[in-house]
Amino acid sequence: MVHAATVRADARAALAAAAEHARGTLVTTEGGVADEMVRQALATTLADADATLAATDPAAATDPAATTGTTGARSATALRVQTAALAAADSAVAAAHEAWLQAEAAAAAAAPRATTKQAAKPAAGAAAPSCGTTYSGPPFYTSPATAGGDGSNGKLPPEALTAISWDVDPHGTPYYLTNAAAAALERLNTAFRAQFGHSLDLDLTYRDYDTQVAMRAALGSVAAKPGTSSHGTGLALDLPELPCEYGWDTPQRDWLVSNGPAYGWASPSWAGRNGSNPEYWHFEYRG
């Protein structure tokens, strides 16, 4: 019974996060999508998701199969609820992502924004621009969910993560965070976009174990010991290492430091200017 309740709660939480993303997307993409059918499809998907949430509301009438009958019946009922809820969540996220991509494409500048750990080191002898990236190591990319992951650091399974709706990395991999962290970041990005006129730029989010090993080998103690990275928990993100956009004393970073905690996102003390490992680009979800 405890397992069935946990399965139901996890599935419903994933669907609720996706529905929240979809609802925000409908508001923020109004008038910014070339094909209005995309938004209509999203509205339909959201309605289906809301119906699923209503049908699985713990405050609603209890499913007799969950309180009577055999353990197998309870488990089968929970499995059906989980499958339907996660399928609806996947559909809602996919529709939200498509709507965001169209809106972003309509508003994007002609030149793409620079990234950092994904950018090549300047050629030898070339003077780096004063506002160029402060990162000069080999390129690294965000990680997809870990198929069959056991939930430990760097081994988070797909059901534990949600893709951020407005961007993907240069390899086309979505930026994943835990379901709660992603939902909070969507809300934070809406406020950031209203303030600065563009979505928050991302560099790295979830980092699987193998990537942690590779980064430790390439960067030494600057990178966390594999299996201990906050990115491996799906609760951390890196902004681009662009000092004139997100560096110390920039309007963007100052705004994030001041407003991020209201959405559960903060710059940890160790990453501050006077911290033990200053990283102006690093933020963590604290709930």
C-alpha atoms as a PDB file:
ATOM      1  CA  MET A   1       0.000   0.000   0.000  1.00  0.00           C
ATOM      2  CA  VAL A   2       2.841   2.408   0.831  1.00  0.00           C
ATOM      3  CA  HIS A   3       4.509   1.653  -2.519  1.00  0.00           C
ATOM      4  CA  ALA A   4       1.263   2.243  -4.425  1.00  0.00           C
ATOM      5  CA  ALA A   5       0.708   5.571  -2.663  1.00  0.00           C
ATOM      6  CA  THR A   6       4.260   6.655  -3.490  1.00  0.00           C
ATOM      7  CA  VAL A   7       3.854   5.722  -7.144  1.00  0.00           C
ATOM      8  CA  ARG A   8       0.609   7.688  -7.336  1.00  0.00           C
ATOM      9  CA  ALA A   9       2.129  10.749  -5.646  1.00  0.00           C
ATOM     10  CA  ASP A  10       5.252  10.760  -7.833  1.00  0.00           C
ATOM     11  CA  ALA A  11       3.269  10.379 -11.049  1.00  0.00           C
ATOM     12  CA  ARG A  12       0.807  13.086 -10.055  1.00  0.00           C
ATOM     13  CA  ALA A  13       3.651  15.470  -9.095  1.00  0.00           C
ATOM     14  CA  ALA A  14       5.284  15.000 -12.513  1.00  0.00           C
ATOM     15  CA  LEU A  15       1.984  15.711 -14.259  1.00  0.00           C
ATOM     16  CA  ALA A  16       1.275  18.761 -12.084  1.00  0.00           C
ATOM     17  CA  ALA A  17       4.696  20.222 -12.931  1.00  0.00           C
ATOM     18  CA  ALA A  18       4.135  19.669 -16.657  1.00  0.00           C
ATOM     19  CA  ALA A  19       0.673  21.223 -16.479  1.00  0.00           C
ATOM     20  CA  GLU A  20       2.083  24.258 -14.711  1.00  0.00           C
ATOM     21  CA  HIS A  21       4.716  24.631 -17.451  1.00  0.00           C
ATOM     22  CA  ALA A  22       2.044  24.345 -20.132  1.00  0.00           C
ATOM     23  CA  ARG A  23      -0.201  26.891 -18.430  1.00  0.00           C
ATOM     24  CA  GLY A  24       2.634  29.418 -18.193  1.00  0.00           C
ATOM     25  CA  THR A  25       3.578  28.806 -21.799  1.00  0.00           C
ATOM     26  CA  LEU A  26       0.059  29.601 -23.009  1.00  0.00           C
ATOM     27  CA  VAL A  27       0.290  32.986 -21.299  1.00  0.00           C
ATOM     28  CA  THR A  28       3.831  33.931 -22.336  1.00  0.00           C
ATOM     29  CA  THR A  29       3.546  32.818 -25.982  1.00  0.00           C
ATOM     30  CA  GLU A  30       0.313  34.662 -26.743  1.00  0.00           C
ATOM     31  CA  GLY A  31       0.862  36.604 -29.936  1.00  0.00           C
ATOM     32  CA  GLY A  32       4.390  35.219 -30.379  1.00  0.00           C
ATOM     33  CA  VAL A  33       3.763  31.915 -32.172  1.00  0.00           C
ATOM     34  CA  ALA A  34       3.612  31.791 -35.954  1.00  0.00           C
ATOM     35  CA  ASP A  35       1.315  28.774 -36.026  1.00  0.00           C
ATOM     36  CA  GLU A  36      -1.567  29.337 -33.607  1.00  0.00           C
ATOM     37  CA  MET A  37      -2.498  25.666 -33.965  1.00  0.00           C
ATOM     38  CA  VAL A  38       0.492  24.884 -31.739  1.00  0.00           C
ATOM     39  CA  ARG A  39      -1.043  26.855 -28.892  1.00  0.00           C
ATOM     40  CA  GLN A  40      -4.443  25.292 -29.508  1.00  0.00           C
ATOM     41  CA  ALA A  41      -2.877  21.839 -29.334  1.00  0.00           C
ATOM     42  CA  LEU A  42      -1.187  22.830 -26.089  1.00  0.00           C
ATOM     43  CA  ALA A  43      -4.501  24.037 -24.661  1.00  0.00           C
ATOM     44  CA  THR A  44      -6.081  20.681 -25.524  1.00  0.00           C
ATOM     45  CA  THR A  45      -3.184  18.779 -23.945  1.00  0.00           C
ATOM     46  CA  LEU A  46      -3.428  20.955 -20.843  1.00  0.00           C
ATOM     47  CA  ALA A  47      -7.141  20.212 -20.546  1.00  0.00           C
ATOM     48  CA  ASP A  48      -6.384  16.479 -20.684  1.00  0.00           C
ATOM     49  CA  ALA A  49      -3.684  16.908 -18.042  1.00  0.00           C
ATOM     50  CA  ASP A  50      -6.055  18.856 -15.784  1.00  0.00           C
ATOM     51  CA  ALA A  51      -8.646  16.110 -16.179  1.00  0.00           C
ATOM     52  CA  THR A  52      -6.088  13.512 -15.123  1.00  0.00           C
ATOM     53  CA  LEU A  53      -5.105  15.623 -12.110  1.00  0.00           C
ATOM     54  CA  ALA A  54      -8.741  15.974 -11.094  1.00  0.00           C
ATOM     55  CA  ALA A  55      -9.296  12.238 -11.446  1.00  0.00           C
ATOM     56  CA  THR A  56      -6.309  11.475  -9.218  1.00  0.00           C
ATOM     57  CA  ASP A  57      -6.905  14.198  -6.622  1.00  0.00           C
ATOM     58  CA  PRO A  58      -6.283  12.664  -3.169  1.00  0.00           C
ATOM     59  CA  ALA A  59      -9.094  14.861  -1.828  1.00  0.00           C
ATOM     60  CA  ALA A  60     -11.566  13.276  -4.254  1.00  0.00           C
ATOM     61  CA  ALA A  61     -13.480  10.070  -3.611  1.00  0.00           C
ATOM     62  CA  THR A  62     -11.161   7.178  -2.846  1.00  0.00           C
ATOM     63  CA  ASP A  63     -10.737   4.511  -5.503  1.00  0.00           C
ATOM     64  CA  PRO A  64     -12.255   1.356  -3.976  1.00  0.00           C
ATOM     65  CA  ALA A  65      -9.460  -0.685  -5.525  1.00  0.00           C
ATOM     66  CA  ALA A  66      -6.965   1.290  -3.476  1.00  0.00           C
ATOM     67  CA  THR A  67      -8.556   0.350  -0.160  1.00  0.00           C
ATOM     68  CA  THR A  68     -10.139  -3.012  -0.804  1.00  0.00           C
ATOM     69  CA  GLY A  69      -9.221  -6.143  -2.649  1.00  0.00           C
ATOM     70  CA  THR A  70      -5.815  -7.710  -3.024  1.00  0.00           C
ATOM     71  CA  THR A  71      -2.399  -6.075  -2.939  1.00  0.00           C
ATOM     72  CA  GLY A  72      -2.043  -6.999  -6.600  1.00  0.00           C
ATOM     73  CA  ALA A  73      -5.210  -5.045  -7.437  1.00  0.00           C
ATOM     74  CA  ARG A  74      -3.919  -1.997  -5.582  1.00  0.00           C
ATOM     75  CA  SER A  75      -0.570  -2.210  -7.388  1.00  0.00           C
ATOM     76  CA  ALA A  76      -2.266  -2.620 -10.770  1.00  0.00           C
ATOM     77  CA  THR A  77      -4.448   0.425 -10.108  1.00  0.00           C
ATOM     78  CA  ALA A  78      -1.408   2.491  -9.113  1.00  0.00           C
ATOM     79  CA  LEU A  79       0.471   1.357 -12.215  1.00  0.00           C
ATOM     80  CA  ARG A  80      -2.400   2.392 -14.486  1.00  0.00           C
ATOM     81  CA  VAL A  81      -2.577   5.802 -12.806  1.00  0.00           C
ATOM     82  CA  GLN A  82       1.192   6.246 -13.116  1.00  0.00           C
ATOM     83  CA  THR A  83       1.246   5.274 -16.789  1.00  0.00           C
ATOM     84  CA  ALA A  84      -1.625   7.585 -17.730  1.00  0.00           C
ATOM     85  CA  ALA A  85      -0.285  10.504 -15.695  1.00  0.00           C
ATOM     86  CA  LEU A  86       3.253  10.263 -17.034  1.00  0.00           C
ATOM     87  CA  ALA A  87       2.015   9.923 -20.613  1.00  0.00           C
ATOM     88  CA  ALA A  88      -0.047  13.073 -20.160  1.00  0.00           C
ATOM     89  CA  ALA A  89       2.948  14.821 -18.578  1.00  0.00           C
ATOM     90  CA  ASP A  90       5.168  13.898 -21.528  1.00  0.00           C
ATOM     91  CA  SER A  91       2.577  15.252 -23.969  1.00  0.00           C
ATOM     92  CA  ALA A  92       2.197  18.495 -22.025  1.00  0.00           C
ATOM     93  CA  VAL A  93       5.954  19.073 -21.866  1.00  0.00           C
ATOM     94  CA  ALA A  94       6.390  18.311 -25.568  1.00  0.00           C
ATOM     95  CA  ALA A  95       3.627  20.723 -26.548  1.00  0.00           C
ATOM     96  CA  ALA A  96       4.963  23.403 -24.207  1.00  0.00           C
ATOM     97  CA  HIS A  97       8.451  22.989 -25.593  1.00  0.00           C
ATOM     98  CA  GLU A  98       7.254  23.355 -29.204  1.00  0.00           C
ATOM     99  CA  ALA A  99       5.321  26.516 -28.397  1.00  0.00           C
ATOM    100  CA  TRP A 100       8.311  28.010 -26.608  1.00  0.00           C
ATOM    101  CA  LEU A 101      10.643  27.182 -29.496  1.00  0.00           C
ATOM    102  CA  GLN A 102       8.394  29.000 -31.942  1.00  0.00           C
ATOM    103  CA  ALA A 103       8.055  32.023 -29.678  1.00  0.00           C
ATOM    104  CA  GLU A 104      11.791  32.168 -29.013  1.00  0.00           C
ATOM    105  CA  ALA A 105      12.582  31.851 -32.718  1.00  0.00           C
ATOM    106  CA  ALA A 106      10.327  34.811 -33.485  1.00  0.00           C
ATOM    107  CA  ALA A 107      12.045  36.990 -30.869  1.00  0.00           C
ATOM    108  CA  ALA A 108      15.636  35.772 -31.145  1.00  0.00           C
ATOM    109  CA  ALA A 109      18.408  37.994 -32.434  1.00  0.00           C
ATOM    110  CA  ALA A 110      20.108  37.082 -35.711  1.00  0.00           C
ATOM    111  CA  ALA A 111      23.249  35.874 -33.936  1.00  0.00           C
ATOM    112  CA  PRO A 112      22.938  33.074 -31.350  1.00  0.00           C
ATOM    113  CA  ARG A 113      24.027  33.780 -27.804  1.00  0.00           C
ATOM    114  CA  ALA A 114      27.484  32.598 -26.879  1.00  0.00           C
ATOM    115  CA  THR A 115      27.889  29.705 -24.481  1.00  0.00           C
ATOM    116  CA  THR A 116      30.822  28.852 -22.286  1.00  0.00           C
ATOM    117  CA  LYS A 117      31.691  25.263 -21.453  1.00  0.00           C
ATOM    118  CA  GLN A 118      30.400  24.550 -24.940  1.00  0.00           C
ATOM    119  CA  ALA A 119      32.613  27.169 -26.612  1.00  0.00           C
ATOM    120  CA  ALA A 120      36.029  26.546 -28.153  1.00  0.00           C
ATOM    121  CA  LYS A 121      39.108  28.114 -26.613  1.00  0.00           C
ATOM    122  CA  PRO A 122      40.335  31.195 -28.575  1.00  0.00           C
ATOM    123  CA  ALA A 123      43.134  30.510 -31.039  1.00  0.00           C
ATOM    124  CA  ALA A 124      46.664  30.835 -29.693  1.00  0.00           C
ATOM    125  CA  GLY A 125      47.844  34.426 -29.801  1.00  0.00           C
ATOM    126  CA  ALA A 126      44.375  35.835 -30.303  1.00  0.00           C
ATOM    127  CA  ALA A 127      43.253  38.462 -27.832  1.00  0.00           C
ATOM    128  CA  ALA A 128      40.052  37.401 -26.078  1.00  0.00           C
ATOM    129  CA  PRO A 129      37.365  40.115 -26.110  1.00  0.00           C
ATOM    130  CA  SER A 130      36.875  41.801 -22.751  1.00  0.00           C
ATOM    131  CA  CYS A 131      33.387  40.348 -22.510  1.00  0.00           C
ATOM    132  CA  GLY A 132      34.339  36.912 -23.802  1.00  0.00           C
ATOM    133  CA  THR A 133      33.843  33.724 -21.849  1.00  0.00           C
ATOM    134  CA  THR A 134      36.028  33.170 -18.806  1.00  0.00           C
ATOM    135  CA  TYR A 135      36.046  29.417 -19.535  1.00  0.00           C
ATOM    136  CA  SER A 136      38.982  27.982 -21.499  1.00  0.00           C
ATOM    137  CA  GLY A 137      38.687  24.224 -20.896  1.00  0.00           C
ATOM    138  CA  PRO A 138      37.368  21.486 -23.181  1.00  0.00           C
ATOM    139  CA  PRO A 139      33.681  21.572 -24.113  1.00  0.00           C
ATOM    140  CA  PHE A 140      31.123  19.785 -21.939  1.00  0.00           C
ATOM    141  CA  TYR A 141      27.390  19.456 -22.374  1.00  0.00           C
ATOM    142  CA  THR A 142      24.358  18.886 -20.202  1.00  0.00           C
ATOM    143  CA  SER A 143      23.266  15.266 -19.650  1.00  0.00           C
ATOM    144  CA  PRO A 144      20.079  13.433 -20.537  1.00  0.00           C
ATOM    145  CA  ALA A 145      18.283  11.396 -17.891  1.00  0.00           C
ATOM    146  CA  THR A 146      19.990   8.134 -16.961  1.00  0.00           C
ATOM    147  CA  ALA A 147      17.968   5.209 -18.323  1.00  0.00           C
ATOM    148  CA  GLY A 148      17.519   2.683 -15.539  1.00  0.00           C
ATOM    149  CA  GLY A 149      19.122   5.082 -13.062  1.00  0.00           C
ATOM    150  CA  ASP A 150      18.882   4.168  -9.390  1.00  0.00           C
ATOM    151  CA  GLY A 151      18.253   7.754  -8.230  1.00  0.00           C
ATOM    152  CA  SER A 152      21.733   8.319  -6.812  1.00  0.00           C
ATOM    153  CA  ASN A 153      23.954  11.290  -7.710  1.00  0.00           C
ATOM    154  CA  GLY A 154      24.461  11.329 -11.489  1.00  0.00           C
ATOM    155  CA  LYS A 155      22.070   8.404 -12.029  1.00  0.00           C
ATOM    156  CA  LEU A 156      18.637  10.018 -12.024  1.00  0.00           C
ATOM    157  CA  PRO A 157      15.988   8.165 -14.086  1.00  0.00           C
ATOM    158  CA  PRO A 158      13.699   9.911 -16.614  1.00  0.00           C
ATOM    159  CA  GLU A 159      10.730  10.032 -14.237  1.00  0.00           C
ATOM    160  CA  ALA A 160      12.761  12.096 -11.763  1.00  0.00           C
ATOM    161  CA  LEU A 161      13.572  14.868 -14.252  1.00  0.00           C
ATOM    162  CA  THR A 162      11.729  17.489 -16.297  1.00  0.00           C
ATOM    163  CA  ALA A 163      13.059  19.292 -19.374  1.00  0.00           C
ATOM    164  CA  ILE A 164      13.228  23.082 -19.282  1.00  0.00           C
ATOM    165  CA  SER A 165      10.833  24.376 -21.927  1.00  0.00           C
ATOM    166  CA  TRP A 166      12.692  27.232 -23.591  1.00  0.00           C
ATOM    167  CA  ASP A 167      16.083  25.870 -24.626  1.00  0.00           C
ATOM    168  CA  VAL A 168      18.243  22.875 -25.536  1.00  0.00           C
ATOM    169  CA  ASP A 169      22.032  22.571 -25.635  1.00  0.00           C
ATOM    170  CA  PRO A 170      24.058  22.612 -28.905  1.00  0.00           C
ATOM    171  CA  HIS A 171      23.684  18.828 -29.145  1.00  0.00           C
ATOM    172  CA  GLY A 172      19.898  19.166 -28.955  1.00  0.00           C
ATOM    173  CA  THR A 173      19.778  17.703 -25.438  1.00  0.00           C
ATOM    174  CA  PRO A 174      17.126  19.317 -23.219  1.00  0.00           C
ATOM    175  CA  TYR A 175      18.259  20.973 -20.013  1.00  0.00           C
ATOM    176  CA  TYR A 176      16.944  18.642 -17.302  1.00  0.00           C
ATOM    177  CA  LEU A 177      16.321  19.351 -13.616  1.00  0.00           C
ATOM    178  CA  THR A 178      14.308  17.536 -10.968  1.00  0.00           C
ATOM    179  CA  ASN A 179      10.573  18.035 -11.374  1.00  0.00           C
ATOM    180  CA  ALA A 180      10.246  20.561  -8.542  1.00  0.00           C
ATOM    181  CA  ALA A 181      13.411  22.476  -9.509  1.00  0.00           C
ATOM    182  CA  ALA A 182      12.318  22.694 -13.139  1.00  0.00           C
ATOM    183  CA  ALA A 183       8.847  23.978 -12.216  1.00  0.00           C
ATOM    184  CA  ALA A 184      10.403  26.649  -9.999  1.00  0.00           C
ATOM    185  CA  LEU A 185      12.861  27.670 -12.718  1.00  0.00           C
ATOM    186  CA  GLU A 186      10.025  28.061 -15.228  1.00  0.00           C
ATOM    187  CA  ARG A 187       8.397  30.572 -12.852  1.00  0.00           C
ATOM    188  CA  LEU A 188      11.710  32.337 -12.269  1.00  0.00           C
ATOM    189  CA  ASN A 189      12.344  32.567 -16.013  1.00  0.00           C
ATOM    190  CA  THR A 190       8.962  34.182 -16.603  1.00  0.00           C
ATOM    191  CA  ALA A 191       9.909  36.951 -14.160  1.00  0.00           C
ATOM    192  CA  PHE A 192      13.451  37.211 -15.596  1.00  0.00           C
ATOM    193  CA  ARG A 193      12.078  37.510 -19.133  1.00  0.00           C
ATOM    194  CA  ALA A 194       9.704  40.272 -18.067  1.00  0.00           C
ATOM    195  CA  GLN A 195      12.644  42.148 -16.542  1.00  0.00           C
ATOM    196  CA  PHE A 196      15.274  41.700 -19.274  1.00  0.00           C
ATOM    197  CA  GLY A 197      13.338  40.887 -22.436  1.00  0.00           C
ATOM    198  CA  HIS A 198      14.832  37.433 -23.007  1.00  0.00           C
ATOM    199  CA  SER A 199      14.869  34.055 -21.339  1.00  0.00           C
ATOM    200  CA  LEU A 200      17.568  33.020 -18.920  1.00  0.00           C
ATOM    201  CA  ASP A 201      20.589  31.570 -20.741  1.00  0.00           C
ATOM    202  CA  LEU A 202      21.644  28.108 -19.590  1.00  0.00           C
ATOM    203  CA  ASP A 203      24.966  26.327 -19.925  1.00  0.00           C
ATOM    204  CA  LEU A 204      24.727  23.129 -17.872  1.00  0.00           C
ATOM    205  CA  THR A 205      22.054  21.566 -15.660  1.00  0.00           C
ATOM    206  CA  TYR A 206      21.839  17.839 -14.803  1.00  0.00           C
ATOM    207  CA  ARG A 207      25.234  16.147 -14.961  1.00  0.00           C
ATOM    208  CA  ASP A 208      25.370  12.361 -15.106  1.00  0.00           C
ATOM    209  CA  TYR A 209      28.070  10.340 -13.378  1.00  0.00           C
ATOM    210  CA  ASP A 210      30.145   9.693 -16.508  1.00  0.00           C
ATOM    211  CA  THR A 211      30.261  13.413 -17.285  1.00  0.00           C
ATOM    212  CA  GLN A 212      31.351  14.115 -13.714  1.00  0.00           C
ATOM    213  CA  VAL A 213      34.213  11.659 -14.191  1.00  0.00           C
ATOM    214  CA  ALA A 214      35.229  13.313 -17.472  1.00  0.00           C
ATOM    215  CA  MET A 215      35.107  16.822 -16.002  1.00  0.00           C
ATOM    216  CA  ARG A 216      37.146  15.803 -12.966  1.00  0.00           C
ATOM    217  CA  ALA A 217      39.781  14.282 -15.242  1.00  0.00           C
ATOM    218  CA  ALA A 218      39.925  17.390 -17.443  1.00  0.00           C
ATOM    219  CA  LEU A 219      39.581  20.154 -14.852  1.00  0.00           C
ATOM    220  CA  GLY A 220      41.011  18.609 -11.682  1.00  0.00           C
ATOM    221  CA  SER A 221      39.803  19.782  -8.279  1.00  0.00           C
ATOM    222  CA  VAL A 222      37.861  22.659  -9.856  1.00  0.00           C
ATOM    223  CA  ALA A 223      35.260  20.017 -10.705  1.00  0.00           C
ATOM    224  CA  ALA A 224      33.464  18.125  -7.932  1.00  0.00           C
ATOM    225  CA  LYS A 225      34.506  14.594  -7.046  1.00  0.00           C
ATOM    226  CA  PRO A 226      32.349  12.213  -9.128  1.00  0.00           C
ATOM    227  CA  GLY A 227      29.219  11.248  -7.268  1.00  0.00           C
ATOM    228  CA  THR A 228      29.172  14.446  -5.179  1.00  0.00           C
ATOM    229  CA  SER A 229      28.327  17.174  -7.724  1.00  0.00           C
ATOM    230  CA  SER A 230      25.241  19.223  -6.973  1.00  0.00           C
ATOM    231  CA  HIS A 231      24.517  18.962 -10.691  1.00  0.00           C
ATOM    232  CA  GLY A 232      24.260  15.201 -10.227  1.00  0.00           C
ATOM    233  CA  THR A 233      21.231  15.741  -8.006  1.00  0.00           C
ATOM    234  CA  GLY A 234      19.364  17.686 -10.688  1.00  0.00           C
ATOM    235  CA  LEU A 235      19.213  20.665  -8.322  1.00  0.00           C
ATOM    236  CA  ALA A 236      21.865  22.950  -9.839  1.00  0.00           C
ATOM    237  CA  LEU A 237      22.474  24.958 -12.982  1.00  0.00           C
ATOM    238  CA  ASP A 238      25.302  26.905 -14.551  1.00  0.00           C
ATOM    239  CA  LEU A 239      24.701  30.091 -16.480  1.00  0.00           C
ATOM    240  CA  PRO A 240      27.111  30.966 -19.291  1.00  0.00           C
ATOM    241  CA  GLU A 241      30.489  32.132 -18.024  1.00  0.00           C
ATOM    242  CA  LEU A 242      30.045  35.525 -19.685  1.00  0.00           C
ATOM    243  CA  PRO A 243      31.260  38.207 -17.279  1.00  0.00           C
ATOM    244  CA  CYS A 244      29.458  41.081 -18.970  1.00  0.00           C
ATOM    245  CA  GLU A 245      26.089  39.294 -18.944  1.00  0.00           C
ATOM    246  CA  TYR A 246      26.041  37.228 -15.749  1.00  0.00           C
ATOM    247  CA  GLY A 247      29.280  38.163 -13.982  1.00  0.00           C
ATOM    248  CA  TRP A 248      29.818  39.975 -10.711  1.00  0.00           C
ATOM    249  CA  ASP A 249      27.810  43.208 -10.386  1.00  0.00           C
ATOM    250  CA  THR A 250      25.902  42.739 -13.638  1.00  0.00           C
ATOM    251  CA  PRO A 251      22.192  43.652 -13.550  1.00  0.00           C
ATOM    252  CA  GLN A 252      21.256  40.074 -14.483  1.00  0.00           C
ATOM    253  CA  ARG A 253      23.220  38.406 -11.688  1.00  0.00           C
ATOM    254  CA  ASP A 254      22.223  41.007  -9.122  1.00  0.00           C
ATOM    255  CA  TRP A 255      18.572  40.446 -10.064  1.00  0.00           C
ATOM    256  CA  LEU A 256      18.944  36.667  -9.805  1.00  0.00           C
ATOM    257  CA  VAL A 257      20.653  36.874  -6.414  1.00  0.00           C
ATOM    258  CA  SER A 258      17.937  39.200  -5.091  1.00  0.00           C
ATOM    259  CA  ASN A 259      14.896  37.528  -6.653  1.00  0.00           C
ATOM    260  CA  GLY A 260      15.951  33.911  -7.117  1.00  0.00           C
ATOM    261  CA  PRO A 261      15.317  32.831  -3.507  1.00  0.00           C
ATOM    262  CA  ALA A 262      11.631  33.741  -3.851  1.00  0.00           C
ATOM    263  CA  TYR A 263      11.480  30.953  -6.448  1.00  0.00           C
ATOM    264  CA  GLY A 264      13.714  28.575  -4.501  1.00  0.00           C
ATOM    265  CA  TRP A 265      16.901  29.340  -6.468  1.00  0.00           C
ATOM    266  CA  ALA A 266      19.982  30.798  -4.759  1.00  0.00           C
ATOM    267  CA  SER A 267      23.693  31.387  -5.206  1.00  0.00           C
ATOM    268  CA  PRO A 268      25.379  29.281  -2.493  1.00  0.00           C
ATOM    269  CA  SER A 269      27.767  31.096  -0.183  1.00  0.00           C
ATOM    270  CA  TRP A 270      30.769  29.086  -1.381  1.00  0.00           C
ATOM    271  CA  ALA A 271      30.155  30.355  -4.947  1.00  0.00           C
ATOM    272  CA  GLY A 272      30.026  34.020  -3.933  1.00  0.00           C
ATOM    273  CA  ARG A 273      32.723  36.560  -4.752  1.00  0.00           C
ATOM    274  CA  ASN A 274      34.360  35.939  -1.364  1.00  0.00           C
ATOM    275  CA  GLY A 275      33.427  32.270  -1.127  1.00  0.00           C
ATOM    276  CA  SER A 276      35.735  29.278  -1.060  1.00  0.00           C
ATOM    277  CA  ASN A 277      35.200  28.601  -4.799  1.00  0.00           C
ATOM    278  CA  PRO A 278      33.833  31.754  -6.502  1.00  0.00           C
ATOM    279  CA  GLU A 279      31.506  30.863  -9.396  1.00  0.00           C
ATOM    280  CA  TYR A 280      29.263  33.708 -10.481  1.00  0.00           C
ATOM    281  CA  TRP A 281      27.487  31.352 -12.881  1.00  0.00           C
ATOM    282  CA  HIS A 282      26.366  28.673 -10.378  1.00  0.00           C
ATOM    283  CA  PHE A 283      22.913  28.534  -8.756  1.00  0.00           C
ATOM    284  CA  GLU A 284      21.166  25.822  -6.731  1.00  0.00           C
ATOM    285  CA  TYR A 285      17.556  24.957  -5.977  1.00  0.00           C
ATOM    286  CA  ARG A 286      16.780  24.999  -2.253  1.00  0.00           C
ATOM    287  CA  GLY A 287      12.992  24.704  -2.444  1.00  0.00           C
END
